[in-house]
Amino acid sequence: MITVSVKEASDKLPDLVENTIAKREPVLISGKNNNAVLMAESDWQAMNETLHLLSVPGMRDAIKNGLSENL
């Protein structure tokens, strides 16, 4: 993951967005007191869907069992 300062991110935002989407690699934006991460929307959606599924009681075991079954 590349790291850029807030100033650099501001100066290069259009390019950072395009590269993040094309390469599917998040960018760490380093702030004075805290940091932020720029990532492709599709990666954000996938991550949130995974977190949601894994938050459902018993879902992790159901997925593991389903993956081990022969079709």
N, C-alpha and C. Protein backbone atom coordinates (compact mmCIF):
# COMPACT_ATOMS: atom_id res chain seq x y z
N MET A 1 0.86 -1.17 0.00
CA MET A 1 0.00 0.00 0.00
C MET A 1 0.90 1.22 0.00
N ILE A 2 0.63 2.14 -0.92
CA ILE A 2 1.41 3.36 -0.93
C ILE A 2 0.85 4.34 0.10
N THR A 3 1.71 5.23 0.55
CA THR A 3 1.33 6.25 1.53
C THR A 3 1.64 7.61 0.95
N VAL A 4 0.68 8.51 1.07
CA VAL A 4 0.89 9.88 0.63
C VAL A 4 0.39 10.81 1.74
N SER A 5 0.90 12.02 1.75
CA SER A 5 0.43 13.02 2.70
C SER A 5 -0.91 13.57 2.23
N VAL A 6 -1.62 14.24 3.12
CA VAL A 6 -2.88 14.87 2.75
C VAL A 6 -2.65 15.88 1.64
N LYS A 7 -1.59 16.65 1.73
CA LYS A 7 -1.27 17.66 0.71
C LYS A 7 -1.05 16.99 -0.64
N GLU A 8 -0.24 15.92 -0.65
CA GLU A 8 0.04 15.21 -1.90
C GLU A 8 -1.24 14.59 -2.46
N ALA A 9 -2.06 14.03 -1.58
CA ALA A 9 -3.33 13.44 -2.03
C ALA A 9 -4.22 14.50 -2.63
N SER A 10 -4.27 15.66 -2.02
CA SER A 10 -5.07 16.76 -2.54
C SER A 10 -4.59 17.19 -3.92
N ASP A 11 -3.29 17.31 -4.06
CA ASP A 11 -2.70 17.74 -5.34
C ASP A 11 -2.91 16.72 -6.45
N LYS A 12 -2.93 15.43 -6.09
CA LYS A 12 -2.96 14.36 -7.09
C LYS A 12 -4.24 13.53 -7.04
N LEU A 13 -5.30 14.08 -6.47
CA LEU A 13 -6.50 13.28 -6.23
C LEU A 13 -7.05 12.58 -7.48
N PRO A 14 -7.22 13.26 -8.61
CA PRO A 14 -7.76 12.54 -9.78
C PRO A 14 -6.90 11.33 -10.18
N ASP A 15 -5.58 11.50 -10.18
CA ASP A 15 -4.69 10.39 -10.53
C ASP A 15 -4.73 9.29 -9.48
N LEU A 16 -4.77 9.67 -8.20
CA LEU A 16 -4.84 8.67 -7.14
C LEU A 16 -6.11 7.83 -7.26
N VAL A 17 -7.23 8.48 -7.53
CA VAL A 17 -8.49 7.76 -7.67
C VAL A 17 -8.42 6.79 -8.85
N GLU A 18 -7.96 7.25 -9.99
CA GLU A 18 -7.87 6.39 -11.18
C GLU A 18 -6.92 5.21 -10.95
N ASN A 19 -5.77 5.46 -10.34
CA ASN A 19 -4.81 4.38 -10.08
C ASN A 19 -5.35 3.39 -9.05
N THR A 20 -6.05 3.90 -8.05
CA THR A 20 -6.62 3.03 -7.02
C THR A 20 -7.65 2.09 -7.64
N ILE A 21 -8.47 2.61 -8.53
CA ILE A 21 -9.48 1.78 -9.20
C ILE A 21 -8.82 0.79 -10.15
N ALA A 22 -7.87 1.27 -10.95
CA ALA A 22 -7.24 0.42 -11.96
C ALA A 22 -6.40 -0.70 -11.34
N LYS A 23 -5.62 -0.36 -10.32
CA LYS A 23 -4.71 -1.33 -9.71
C LYS A 23 -5.33 -2.08 -8.54
N ARG A 24 -6.51 -1.63 -8.08
CA ARG A 24 -7.20 -2.24 -6.94
C ARG A 24 -6.28 -2.28 -5.72
N GLU A 25 -5.50 -1.21 -5.56
CA GLU A 25 -4.59 -1.10 -4.41
C GLU A 25 -4.96 0.13 -3.60
N PRO A 26 -5.30 -0.04 -2.31
CA PRO A 26 -5.65 1.12 -1.50
C PRO A 26 -4.47 2.06 -1.29
N VAL A 27 -4.78 3.30 -0.96
CA VAL A 27 -3.77 4.31 -0.70
C VAL A 27 -3.98 4.82 0.73
N LEU A 28 -2.93 4.81 1.52
CA LEU A 28 -2.97 5.37 2.87
C LEU A 28 -2.67 6.86 2.77
N ILE A 29 -3.61 7.67 3.25
CA ILE A 29 -3.43 9.12 3.25
C ILE A 29 -3.08 9.52 4.68
N SER A 30 -1.86 9.98 4.85
CA SER A 30 -1.32 10.27 6.18
C SER A 30 -1.61 11.71 6.57
N GLY A 31 -2.40 11.86 7.64
CA GLY A 31 -2.74 13.19 8.14
C GLY A 31 -1.89 13.58 9.32
N LYS A 32 -2.13 14.76 9.81
CA LYS A 32 -1.35 15.29 10.94
C LYS A 32 -1.58 14.45 12.19
N ASN A 33 -2.84 14.14 12.48
CA ASN A 33 -3.17 13.39 13.69
C ASN A 33 -3.74 12.01 13.42
N ASN A 34 -4.33 11.81 12.25
CA ASN A 34 -4.95 10.54 11.90
C ASN A 34 -4.74 10.25 10.43
N ASN A 35 -5.05 9.04 10.04
CA ASN A 35 -4.89 8.62 8.65
C ASN A 35 -6.24 8.22 8.08
N ALA A 36 -6.28 8.14 6.75
CA ALA A 36 -7.46 7.67 6.04
C ALA A 36 -6.99 6.74 4.93
N VAL A 37 -7.92 5.95 4.41
CA VAL A 37 -7.59 5.04 3.33
C VAL A 37 -8.50 5.31 2.15
N LEU A 38 -7.91 5.44 0.97
CA LEU A 38 -8.66 5.58 -0.27
C LEU A 38 -8.67 4.21 -0.93
N MET A 39 -9.88 3.71 -1.25
CA MET A 39 -9.98 2.42 -1.89
C MET A 39 -11.09 2.42 -2.93
N ALA A 40 -11.05 1.49 -3.85
CA ALA A 40 -12.07 1.38 -4.89
C ALA A 40 -13.42 1.05 -4.25
N GLU A 41 -14.48 1.62 -4.79
CA GLU A 41 -15.81 1.39 -4.23
C GLU A 41 -16.17 -0.10 -4.26
N SER A 42 -15.80 -0.79 -5.31
CA SER A 42 -16.13 -2.22 -5.40
C SER A 42 -15.43 -3.01 -4.29
N ASP A 43 -14.20 -2.63 -3.94
CA ASP A 43 -13.51 -3.28 -2.83
C ASP A 43 -14.19 -2.96 -1.50
N TRP A 44 -14.65 -1.73 -1.34
CA TRP A 44 -15.36 -1.31 -0.13
C TRP A 44 -16.64 -2.12 0.02
N GLN A 45 -17.38 -2.26 -1.07
CA GLN A 45 -18.64 -3.02 -1.02
C GLN A 45 -18.38 -4.48 -0.69
N ALA A 46 -17.36 -5.07 -1.31
CA ALA A 46 -17.03 -6.47 -1.05
C ALA A 46 -16.62 -6.67 0.41
N MET A 47 -15.84 -5.76 0.94
CA MET A 47 -15.40 -5.87 2.33
C MET A 47 -16.60 -5.76 3.28
N ASN A 48 -17.49 -4.82 3.01
CA ASN A 48 -18.68 -4.67 3.86
C ASN A 48 -19.60 -5.87 3.76
N GLU A 49 -19.74 -6.44 2.59
CA GLU A 49 -20.57 -7.64 2.43
C GLU A 49 -19.98 -8.80 3.22
N THR A 50 -18.67 -8.97 3.14
CA THR A 50 -18.00 -10.03 3.89
C THR A 50 -18.19 -9.83 5.39
N LEU A 51 -18.00 -8.61 5.87
CA LEU A 51 -18.18 -8.33 7.30
C LEU A 51 -19.62 -8.61 7.73
N HIS A 52 -20.58 -8.24 6.88
CA HIS A 52 -21.98 -8.50 7.21
C HIS A 52 -22.24 -10.00 7.30
N LEU A 53 -21.79 -10.75 6.30
CA LEU A 53 -22.02 -12.20 6.31
C LEU A 53 -21.39 -12.87 7.53
N LEU A 54 -20.19 -12.44 7.87
CA LEU A 54 -19.50 -13.06 9.00
C LEU A 54 -20.09 -12.62 10.34
N SER A 55 -20.90 -11.57 10.35
CA SER A 55 -21.54 -11.13 11.59
C SER A 55 -22.81 -11.92 11.89
N VAL A 56 -23.32 -12.67 10.91
CA VAL A 56 -24.53 -13.47 11.10
C VAL A 56 -24.14 -14.74 11.87
N PRO A 57 -24.76 -14.99 13.02
CA PRO A 57 -24.41 -16.18 13.80
C PRO A 57 -24.54 -17.46 12.97
N GLY A 58 -23.50 -18.27 12.98
CA GLY A 58 -23.49 -19.55 12.29
C GLY A 58 -23.13 -19.47 10.81
N MET A 59 -23.03 -18.27 10.25
CA MET A 59 -22.76 -18.14 8.82
C MET A 59 -21.36 -18.64 8.45
N ARG A 60 -20.38 -18.35 9.28
CA ARG A 60 -19.01 -18.79 8.97
C ARG A 60 -18.95 -20.31 8.86
N ASP A 61 -19.58 -21.02 9.80
CA ASP A 61 -19.58 -22.49 9.75
C ASP A 61 -20.35 -23.00 8.55
N ALA A 62 -21.46 -22.35 8.23
CA ALA A 62 -22.25 -22.77 7.07
C ALA A 62 -21.46 -22.62 5.78
N ILE A 63 -20.70 -21.54 5.66
CA ILE A 63 -19.87 -21.33 4.48
C ILE A 63 -18.78 -22.39 4.41
N LYS A 64 -18.12 -22.63 5.54
CA LYS A 64 -17.05 -23.66 5.56
C LYS A 64 -17.60 -25.02 5.20
N ASN A 65 -18.77 -25.37 5.74
CA ASN A 65 -19.37 -26.67 5.43
C ASN A 65 -19.76 -26.75 3.95
N GLY A 66 -20.29 -25.68 3.42
CA GLY A 66 -20.68 -25.66 2.02
C GLY A 66 -19.49 -25.81 1.09
N LEU A 67 -18.38 -25.22 1.46
CA LEU A 67 -17.17 -25.32 0.62
C LEU A 67 -16.60 -26.73 0.63
N SER A 68 -16.84 -27.49 1.68
CA SER A 68 -16.28 -28.85 1.77
C SER A 68 -17.16 -29.90 1.11
N GLU A 69 -18.39 -29.53 0.72
CA GLU A 69 -19.29 -30.50 0.09
C GLU A 69 -18.95 -30.70 -1.37
N ASN A 70 -19.06 -31.95 -1.81
CA ASN A 70 -18.87 -32.26 -3.23
C ASN A 70 -20.13 -31.91 -4.00
N LEU A 71 -19.96 -31.37 -5.18
CA LEU A 71 -21.12 -31.01 -5.99
C LEU A 71 -21.51 -32.16 -6.85
